[in-house]
């Protein structure tokens, strides 16, 4: 019986995680293209700023600036959508 309860809890947690990830991706998709690309490279592909700069053919300082702006926008949207995420 405990196994069934544990399995149901795991399934529920997975569903909630998938829904949260979907909502976060939706919010990220609202960013302007360059800012969105930086966020996607940084968090979905785990690239460093230098690698992102090379991929996007921009300066590393520009990557940092896009990230800084995107982070501010995302924090506002996460609060609006009641999404509690750790510091970006």
PDB file of N, CA and C in Angstrom:
ATOM      1  N   UNK A   1       0.819  -1.195   0.000  1.00  0.00           N
ATOM      2  CA  UNK A   1       0.000   0.000   0.000  1.00  0.00           C
ATOM      3  C   UNK A   1       0.866   1.264   0.000  1.00  0.00           C
ATOM      4  N   UNK A   2       1.944   1.243   0.805  1.00  0.00           N
ATOM      5  CA  UNK A   2       2.826   2.415   0.854  1.00  0.00           C
ATOM      6  C   UNK A   2       3.447   2.697  -0.502  1.00  0.00           C
ATOM      7  N   UNK A   3       3.771   1.642  -1.244  1.00  0.00           N
ATOM      8  CA  UNK A   3       4.364   1.824  -2.564  1.00  0.00           C
ATOM      9  C   UNK A   3       3.421   2.564  -3.504  1.00  0.00           C
ATOM     10  N   UNK A   4       2.150   2.248  -3.432  1.00  0.00           N
ATOM     11  CA  UNK A   4       1.154   2.917  -4.274  1.00  0.00           C
ATOM     12  C   UNK A   4       1.056   4.388  -3.888  1.00  0.00           C
ATOM     13  N   UNK A   5       1.040   4.688  -2.619  1.00  0.00           N
ATOM     14  CA  UNK A   5       0.969   6.075  -2.149  1.00  0.00           C
ATOM     15  C   UNK A   5       2.215   6.835  -2.581  1.00  0.00           C
ATOM     16  N   UNK A   6       3.397   6.223  -2.402  1.00  0.00           N
ATOM     17  CA  UNK A   6       4.643   6.864  -2.810  1.00  0.00           C
ATOM     18  C   UNK A   6       4.667   7.097  -4.318  1.00  0.00           C
ATOM     19  N   UNK A   7       4.204   6.102  -5.074  1.00  0.00           N
ATOM     20  CA  UNK A   7       4.181   6.218  -6.531  1.00  0.00           C
ATOM     21  C   UNK A   7       3.247   7.337  -6.961  1.00  0.00           C
ATOM     22  N   UNK A   8       2.085   7.436  -6.340  1.00  0.00           N
ATOM     23  CA  UNK A   8       1.135   8.510  -6.663  1.00  0.00           C
ATOM     24  C   UNK A   8       1.713   9.879  -6.324  1.00  0.00           C
ATOM     25  N   UNK A   9       2.423   9.967  -5.215  1.00  0.00           N
ATOM     26  CA  UNK A   9       3.064  11.236  -4.830  1.00  0.00           C
ATOM     27  C   UNK A   9       4.123  11.612  -5.852  1.00  0.00           C
ATOM     28  N   UNK A  10       4.899  10.632  -6.313  1.00  0.00           N
ATOM     29  CA  UNK A  10       5.923  10.887  -7.323  1.00  0.00           C
ATOM     30  C   UNK A  10       5.296  11.353  -8.634  1.00  0.00           C
ATOM     31  N   UNK A  11       4.216  10.704  -9.031  1.00  0.00           N
ATOM     32  CA  UNK A  11       3.524  11.082 -10.265  1.00  0.00           C
ATOM     33  C   UNK A  11       2.989  12.500 -10.145  1.00  0.00           C
ATOM     34  N   UNK A  12       2.380  12.826  -9.022  1.00  0.00           N
ATOM     35  CA  UNK A  12       1.841  14.170  -8.803  1.00  0.00           C
ATOM     36  C   UNK A  12       2.960  15.215  -8.856  1.00  0.00           C
ATOM     37  N   UNK A  13       4.077  14.910  -8.230  1.00  0.00           N
ATOM     38  CA  UNK A  13       5.228  15.820  -8.231  1.00  0.00           C
ATOM     39  C   UNK A  13       5.752  16.016  -9.650  1.00  0.00           C
ATOM     40  N   UNK A  14       5.811  14.932 -10.429  1.00  0.00           N
ATOM     41  CA  UNK A  14       6.266  15.022 -11.821  1.00  0.00           C
ATOM     42  C   UNK A  14       5.329  15.889 -12.654  1.00  0.00           C
ATOM     43  N   UNK A  15       4.032  15.719 -12.456  1.00  0.00           N
ATOM     44  CA  UNK A  15       3.046  16.514 -13.194  1.00  0.00           C
ATOM     45  C   UNK A  15       3.204  17.990 -12.840  1.00  0.00           C
ATOM     46  N   UNK A  16       3.335  18.292 -11.552  1.00  0.00           N
ATOM     47  CA  UNK A  16       3.507  19.678 -11.123  1.00  0.00           C
ATOM     48  C   UNK A  16       4.798  20.271 -11.681  1.00  0.00           C
ATOM     49  N   UNK A  17       5.867  19.492 -11.679  1.00  0.00           N
ATOM     50  CA  UNK A  17       7.145  19.960 -12.222  1.00  0.00           C
ATOM     51  C   UNK A  17       7.028  20.234 -13.714  1.00  0.00           C
ATOM     52  N   UNK A  18       6.373  19.335 -14.440  1.00  0.00           N
ATOM     53  CA  UNK A  18       6.198  19.527 -15.879  1.00  0.00           C
ATOM     54  C   UNK A  18       5.355  20.764 -16.177  1.00  0.00           C
ATOM     55  N   UNK A  19       4.307  20.981 -15.394  1.00  0.00           N
ATOM     56  CA  UNK A  19       3.463  22.160 -15.585  1.00  0.00           C
ATOM     57  C   UNK A  19       4.245  23.437 -15.295  1.00  0.00           C
ATOM     58  N   UNK A  20       5.057  23.413 -14.243  1.00  0.00           N
ATOM     59  CA  UNK A  20       5.864  24.577 -13.899  1.00  0.00           C
ATOM     60  C   UNK A  20       6.894  24.852 -14.996  1.00  0.00           C
ATOM     61  N   UNK A  21       7.561  23.810 -15.475  1.00  0.00           N
ATOM     62  CA  UNK A  21       8.545  23.979 -16.555  1.00  0.00           C
ATOM     63  C   UNK A  21       7.894  24.539 -17.811  1.00  0.00           C
ATOM     64  N   UNK A  22       6.700  24.066 -18.123  1.00  0.00           N
ATOM     65  CA  UNK A  22       5.972  24.562 -19.290  1.00  0.00           C
ATOM     66  C   UNK A  22       5.662  26.049 -19.127  1.00  0.00           C
ATOM     67  N   UNK A  23       5.192  26.440 -17.949  1.00  0.00           N
ATOM     68  CA  UNK A  23       4.859  27.844 -17.688  1.00  0.00           C
ATOM     69  C   UNK A  23       6.114  28.718 -17.769  1.00  0.00           C
ATOM     70  N   UNK A  24       7.220  28.235 -17.207  1.00  0.00           N
ATOM     71  CA  UNK A  24       8.471  28.998 -17.265  1.00  0.00           C
ATOM     72  C   UNK A  24       8.917  29.170 -18.712  1.00  0.00           C
ATOM     73  N   UNK A  25       8.836  28.118 -19.502  1.00  0.00           N
ATOM     74  CA  UNK A  25       9.214  28.219 -20.923  1.00  0.00           C
ATOM     75  C   UNK A  25       8.313  29.210 -21.658  1.00  0.00           C
ATOM     76  N   UNK A  26       7.032  29.205 -21.328  1.00  0.00           N
ATOM     77  CA  UNK A  26       6.105  30.169 -21.934  1.00  0.00           C
ATOM     78  C   UNK A  26       6.539  31.600 -21.616  1.00  0.00           C
ATOM     79  N   UNK A  27       6.879  31.835 -20.356  1.00  0.00           N
ATOM     80  CA  UNK A  27       7.300  33.170 -19.938  1.00  0.00           C
ATOM     81  C   UNK A  27       8.608  33.558 -20.624  1.00  0.00           C
ATOM     82  N   UNK A  28       9.547  32.644 -20.668  1.00  0.00           N
ATOM     83  CA  UNK A  28      10.833  32.921 -21.339  1.00  0.00           C
ATOM     84  C   UNK A  28      10.592  33.255 -22.814  1.00  0.00           C
ATOM     85  N   UNK A  29       9.629  32.585 -23.427  1.00  0.00           N
ATOM     86  CA  UNK A  29       9.362  32.815 -24.852  1.00  0.00           C
ATOM     87  C   UNK A  29       8.833  34.215 -25.142  1.00  0.00           C
ATOM     88  N   UNK A  30       8.393  34.941 -24.101  1.00  0.00           N
ATOM     89  CA  UNK A  30       7.884  36.298 -24.315  1.00  0.00           C
ATOM     90  C   UNK A  30       9.001  37.344 -24.376  1.00  0.00           C
ATOM     91  N   UNK A  31      10.209  36.940 -24.017  1.00  0.00           N
ATOM     92  CA  UNK A  31      11.337  37.873 -24.052  1.00  0.00           C
ATOM     93  C   UNK A  31      11.708  38.217 -25.491  1.00  0.00           C
ATOM     94  N   UNK A  32      12.312  39.384 -25.698  1.00  0.00           N
ATOM     95  CA  UNK A  32      12.858  39.689 -27.022  1.00  0.00           C
ATOM     96  C   UNK A  32      13.884  38.611 -27.411  1.00  0.00           C
ATOM     97  N   UNK A  33      14.042  38.391 -28.688  1.00  0.00           N
ATOM     98  CA  UNK A  33      14.831  37.273 -29.206  1.00  0.00           C
ATOM     99  C   UNK A  33      16.217  37.127 -28.581  1.00  0.00           C
ATOM    100  N   UNK A  34      17.009  38.181 -28.576  1.00  0.00           N
ATOM    101  CA  UNK A  34      18.386  38.084 -28.068  1.00  0.00           C
ATOM    102  C   UNK A  34      18.415  37.737 -26.582  1.00  0.00           C
ATOM    103  N   UNK A  35      17.541  38.358 -25.811  1.00  0.00           N
ATOM    104  CA  UNK A  35      17.475  38.057 -24.379  1.00  0.00           C
ATOM    105  C   UNK A  35      17.022  36.612 -24.163  1.00  0.00           C
ATOM    106  N   UNK A  36      16.044  36.184 -24.945  1.00  0.00           N
ATOM    107  CA  UNK A  36      15.551  34.814 -24.850  1.00  0.00           C
ATOM    108  C   UNK A  36      16.662  33.810 -25.177  1.00  0.00           C
ATOM    109  N   UNK A  37      17.420  34.092 -26.223  1.00  0.00           N
ATOM    110  CA  UNK A  37      18.513  33.200 -26.607  1.00  0.00           C
ATOM    111  C   UNK A  37      19.530  33.062 -25.478  1.00  0.00           C
ATOM    112  N   UNK A  38      19.893  34.179 -24.855  1.00  0.00           N
ATOM    113  CA  UNK A  38      20.856  34.137 -23.750  1.00  0.00           C
ATOM    114  C   UNK A  38      20.320  33.264 -22.620  1.00  0.00           C
ATOM    115  N   UNK A  39      19.073  33.458 -22.242  1.00  0.00           N
ATOM    116  CA  UNK A  39      18.479  32.662 -21.167  1.00  0.00           C
ATOM    117  C   UNK A  39      18.443  31.183 -21.550  1.00  0.00           C
ATOM    118  N   UNK A  40      18.036  30.886 -22.761  1.00  0.00           N
ATOM    119  CA  UNK A  40      17.954  29.492 -23.206  1.00  0.00           C
ATOM    120  C   UNK A  40      19.336  28.839 -23.226  1.00  0.00           C
ATOM    121  N   UNK A  41      20.325  29.538 -23.765  1.00  0.00           N
ATOM    122  CA  UNK A  41      21.682  28.974 -23.781  1.00  0.00           C
ATOM    123  C   UNK A  41      22.198  28.764 -22.360  1.00  0.00           C
ATOM    124  N   UNK A  42      21.950  29.742 -21.503  1.00  0.00           N
ATOM    125  CA  UNK A  42      22.481  29.694 -20.139  1.00  0.00           C
ATOM    126  C   UNK A  42      21.824  28.589 -19.316  1.00  0.00           C
ATOM    127  N   UNK A  43      20.509  28.473 -19.381  1.00  0.00           N
ATOM    128  CA  UNK A  43      19.813  27.557 -18.492  1.00  0.00           C
ATOM    129  C   UNK A  43      19.447  26.219 -19.123  1.00  0.00           C
ATOM    130  N   UNK A  44      19.126  26.212 -20.415  1.00  0.00           N
ATOM    131  CA  UNK A  44      18.723  24.949 -21.029  1.00  0.00           C
ATOM    132  C   UNK A  44      19.916  24.195 -21.613  1.00  0.00           C
ATOM    133  N   UNK A  45      20.964  24.938 -21.991  1.00  0.00           N
ATOM    134  CA  UNK A  45      22.144  24.279 -22.556  1.00  0.00           C
ATOM    135  C   UNK A  45      23.374  24.402 -21.649  1.00  0.00           C
ATOM    136  N   UNK A  46      23.224  25.086 -20.527  1.00  0.00           N
ATOM    137  CA  UNK A  46      24.292  25.243 -19.528  1.00  0.00           C
ATOM    138  C   UNK A  46      25.599  25.793 -20.111  1.00  0.00           C
ATOM    139  N   UNK A  47      25.478  26.777 -21.004  1.00  0.00           N
ATOM    140  CA  UNK A  47      26.663  27.394 -21.589  1.00  0.00           C
ATOM    141  C   UNK A  47      27.146  28.554 -20.728  1.00  0.00           C
ATOM    142  N   UNK A  48      28.423  28.803 -20.786  1.00  0.00           N
ATOM    143  CA  UNK A  48      29.035  29.947 -20.102  1.00  0.00           C
ATOM    144  C   UNK A  48      28.859  31.187 -20.989  1.00  0.00           C
ATOM    145  N   UNK A  49      29.013  32.363 -20.380  1.00  0.00           N
ATOM    146  CA  UNK A  49      28.850  33.618 -21.134  1.00  0.00           C
ATOM    147  C   UNK A  49      29.747  33.671 -22.362  1.00  0.00           C
ATOM    148  N   UNK A  50      30.979  33.224 -22.219  1.00  0.00           N
ATOM    149  CA  UNK A  50      31.915  33.248 -23.350  1.00  0.00           C
ATOM    150  C   UNK A  50      31.405  32.362 -24.490  1.00  0.00           C
ATOM    151  N   UNK A  51      30.881  31.194 -24.150  1.00  0.00           N
ATOM    152  CA  UNK A  51      30.354  30.278 -25.167  1.00  0.00           C
ATOM    153  C   UNK A  51      29.115  30.865 -25.840  1.00  0.00           C
ATOM    154  N   UNK A  52      28.278  31.506 -25.038  1.00  0.00           N
ATOM    155  CA  UNK A  52      27.080  32.143 -25.585  1.00  0.00           C
ATOM    156  C   UNK A  52      27.482  33.250 -26.551  1.00  0.00           C
ATOM    157  N   UNK A  53      28.450  34.045 -26.153  1.00  0.00           N
ATOM    158  CA  UNK A  53      28.932  35.137 -27.005  1.00  0.00           C
ATOM    159  C   UNK A  53      29.433  34.596 -28.343  1.00  0.00           C
ATOM    160  N   UNK A  54      30.174  33.512 -28.295  1.00  0.00           N
ATOM    161  CA  UNK A  54      30.684  32.911 -29.533  1.00  0.00           C
ATOM    162  C   UNK A  54      29.543  32.411 -30.408  1.00  0.00           C
ATOM    163  N   UNK A  55      28.585  31.737 -29.824  1.00  0.00           N
ATOM    164  CA  UNK A  55      27.437  31.205 -30.587  1.00  0.00           C
ATOM    165  C   UNK A  55      26.618  32.331 -31.214  1.00  0.00           C
ATOM    166  N   UNK A  56      26.422  33.404 -30.453  1.00  0.00           N
ATOM    167  CA  UNK A  56      25.579  34.495 -30.920  1.00  0.00           C
ATOM    168  C   UNK A  56      26.366  35.530 -31.722  1.00  0.00           C
ATOM    169  N   UNK A  57      27.676  35.360 -31.746  1.00  0.00           N
ATOM    170  CA  UNK A  57      28.563  36.291 -32.458  1.00  0.00           C
ATOM    171  C   UNK A  57      28.408  37.722 -31.932  1.00  0.00           C
ATOM    172  N   UNK A  58      28.442  37.807 -30.600  1.00  0.00           N
ATOM    173  CA  UNK A  58      28.387  39.097 -29.928  1.00  0.00           C
ATOM    174  C   UNK A  58      29.447  39.115 -28.837  1.00  0.00           C
ATOM    175  N   UNK A  59      29.673  40.283 -28.249  1.00  0.00           N
ATOM    176  CA  UNK A  59      30.663  40.393 -27.175  1.00  0.00           C
ATOM    177  C   UNK A  59      30.111  39.781 -25.890  1.00  0.00           C
ATOM    178  N   UNK A  60      31.029  39.317 -25.055  1.00  0.00           N
ATOM    179  CA  UNK A  60      30.640  38.729 -23.777  1.00  0.00           C
ATOM    180  C   UNK A  60      29.931  39.751 -22.893  1.00  0.00           C
ATOM    181  N   UNK A  61      30.362  41.004 -22.950  1.00  0.00           N
ATOM    182  CA  UNK A  61      29.692  42.062 -22.182  1.00  0.00           C
ATOM    183  C   UNK A  61      28.243  42.243 -22.626  1.00  0.00           C
ATOM    184  N   UNK A  62      27.995  42.047 -23.914  1.00  0.00           N
ATOM    185  CA  UNK A  62      26.631  42.151 -24.436  1.00  0.00           C
ATOM    186  C   UNK A  62      25.780  41.005 -23.894  1.00  0.00           C
ATOM    187  N   UNK A  63      26.361  39.818 -23.811  1.00  0.00           N
ATOM    188  CA  UNK A  63      25.658  38.669 -23.217  1.00  0.00           C
ATOM    189  C   UNK A  63      25.259  39.013 -21.790  1.00  0.00           C
ATOM    190  N   UNK A  64      26.196  39.569 -21.037  1.00  0.00           N
ATOM    191  CA  UNK A  64      25.918  39.930 -19.640  1.00  0.00           C
ATOM    192  C   UNK A  64      24.793  40.956 -19.551  1.00  0.00           C
ATOM    193  N   UNK A  65      24.794  41.909 -20.455  1.00  0.00           N
ATOM    194  CA  UNK A  65      23.762  42.946 -20.448  1.00  0.00           C
ATOM    195  C   UNK A  65      22.393  42.364 -20.797  1.00  0.00           C
ATOM    196  N   UNK A  66      22.337  41.515 -21.834  1.00  0.00           N
ATOM    197  CA  UNK A  66      21.079  40.851 -22.193  1.00  0.00           C
ATOM    198  C   UNK A  66      20.560  40.026 -21.020  1.00  0.00           C
ATOM    199  N   UNK A  67      21.467  39.329 -20.341  1.00  0.00           N
ATOM    200  CA  UNK A  67      21.082  38.490 -19.206  1.00  0.00           C
ATOM    201  C   UNK A  67      20.517  39.340 -18.070  1.00  0.00           C
ATOM    202  N   UNK A  68      21.192  40.447 -17.785  1.00  0.00           N
ATOM    203  CA  UNK A  68      20.763  41.340 -16.705  1.00  0.00           C
ATOM    204  C   UNK A  68      19.350  41.877 -16.975  1.00  0.00           C
ATOM    205  N   UNK A  69      19.110  42.306 -18.191  1.00  0.00           N
ATOM    206  CA  UNK A  69      17.798  42.843 -18.566  1.00  0.00           C
ATOM    207  C   UNK A  69      16.739  41.742 -18.526  1.00  0.00           C
ATOM    208  N   UNK A  70      17.071  40.585 -19.088  1.00  0.00           N
ATOM    209  CA  UNK A  70      16.127  39.464 -19.126  1.00  0.00           C
ATOM    210  C   UNK A  70      15.772  39.007 -17.717  1.00  0.00           C
ATOM    211  N   UNK A  71      16.764  38.960 -16.833  1.00  0.00           N
ATOM    212  CA  UNK A  71      16.539  38.520 -15.462  1.00  0.00           C
ATOM    213  C   UNK A  71      15.526  39.428 -14.763  1.00  0.00           C
ATOM    214  N   UNK A  72      15.653  40.735 -14.952  1.00  0.00           N
ATOM    215  CA  UNK A  72      14.706  41.675 -14.346  1.00  0.00           C
ATOM    216  C   UNK A  72      13.288  41.428 -14.863  1.00  0.00           C
ATOM    217  N   UNK A  73      13.172  41.256 -16.172  1.00  0.00           N
ATOM    218  CA  UNK A  73      11.853  41.019 -16.769  1.00  0.00           C
ATOM    219  C   UNK A  73      11.254  39.709 -16.277  1.00  0.00           C
ATOM    220  N   UNK A  74      12.081  38.678 -16.201  1.00  0.00           N
ATOM    221  CA  UNK A  74      11.585  37.368 -15.775  1.00  0.00           C
ATOM    222  C   UNK A  74      11.132  37.391 -14.321  1.00  0.00           C
ATOM    223  N   UNK A  75      11.879  38.071 -13.471  1.00  0.00           N
ATOM    224  CA  UNK A  75      11.493  38.142 -12.063  1.00  0.00           C
ATOM    225  C   UNK A  75      10.110  38.760 -11.918  1.00  0.00           C
ATOM    226  N   UNK A  76       9.843  39.825 -12.659  1.00  0.00           N
ATOM    227  CA  UNK A  76       8.534  40.477 -12.613  1.00  0.00           C
ATOM    228  C   UNK A  76       7.448  39.509 -13.088  1.00  0.00           C
ATOM    229  N   UNK A  77       7.708  38.841 -14.202  1.00  0.00           N
ATOM    230  CA  UNK A  77       6.703  37.920 -14.757  1.00  0.00           C
ATOM    231  C   UNK A  77       6.483  36.715 -13.851  1.00  0.00           C
ATOM    232  N   UNK A  78       7.553  36.239 -13.205  1.00  0.00           N
ATOM    233  CA  UNK A  78       7.397  35.109 -12.285  1.00  0.00           C
ATOM    234  C   UNK A  78       6.543  35.507 -11.083  1.00  0.00           C
ATOM    235  N   UNK A  79       6.764  36.704 -10.566  1.00  0.00           N
ATOM    236  CA  UNK A  79       5.950  37.185  -9.441  1.00  0.00           C
ATOM    237  C   UNK A  79       4.489  37.320  -9.886  1.00  0.00           C
ATOM    238  N   UNK A  80       4.265  37.900 -11.074  1.00  0.00           N
ATOM    239  CA  UNK A  80       2.909  38.054 -11.582  1.00  0.00           C
ATOM    240  C   UNK A  80       2.208  36.706 -11.715  1.00  0.00           C
ATOM    241  N   UNK A  81       2.958  35.676 -12.072  1.00  0.00           N
ATOM    242  CA  UNK A  81       2.397  34.353 -12.287  1.00  0.00           C
ATOM    243  C   UNK A  81       2.527  33.447 -11.048  1.00  0.00           C
ATOM    244  N   UNK A  82       2.925  34.072  -9.932  1.00  0.00           N
ATOM    245  CA  UNK A  82       3.075  33.348  -8.661  1.00  0.00           C
ATOM    246  C   UNK A  82       3.980  32.138  -8.786  1.00  0.00           C
ATOM    247  N   UNK A  83       5.073  32.317  -9.520  1.00  0.00           N
ATOM    248  CA  UNK A  83       6.071  31.262  -9.668  1.00  0.00           C
ATOM    249  C   UNK A  83       7.229  31.595  -8.748  1.00  0.00           C
ATOM    250  N   UNK A  84       7.505  30.686  -7.820  1.00  0.00           N
ATOM    251  CA  UNK A  84       8.587  30.878  -6.847  1.00  0.00           C
ATOM    252  C   UNK A  84       9.818  30.141  -7.350  1.00  0.00           C
ATOM    253  N   UNK A  85      10.770  30.887  -7.864  1.00  0.00           N
ATOM    254  CA  UNK A  85      12.018  30.264  -8.336  1.00  0.00           C
ATOM    255  C   UNK A  85      13.175  30.869  -7.588  1.00  0.00           C
ATOM    256  N   UNK A  86      14.217  30.099  -7.471  1.00  0.00           N
ATOM    257  CA  UNK A  86      15.421  30.585  -6.806  1.00  0.00           C
ATOM    258  C   UNK A  86      16.063  31.680  -7.650  1.00  0.00           C
ATOM    259  N   UNK A  87      16.986  32.386  -7.052  1.00  0.00           N
ATOM    260  CA  UNK A  87      17.676  33.478  -7.762  1.00  0.00           C
ATOM    261  C   UNK A  87      18.245  32.984  -9.078  1.00  0.00           C
ATOM    262  N   UNK A  88      18.075  33.797 -10.110  1.00  0.00           N
ATOM    263  CA  UNK A  88      18.656  33.473 -11.421  1.00  0.00           C
ATOM    264  C   UNK A  88      20.144  33.761 -11.412  1.00  0.00           C
TER     265      UNK A  88
END
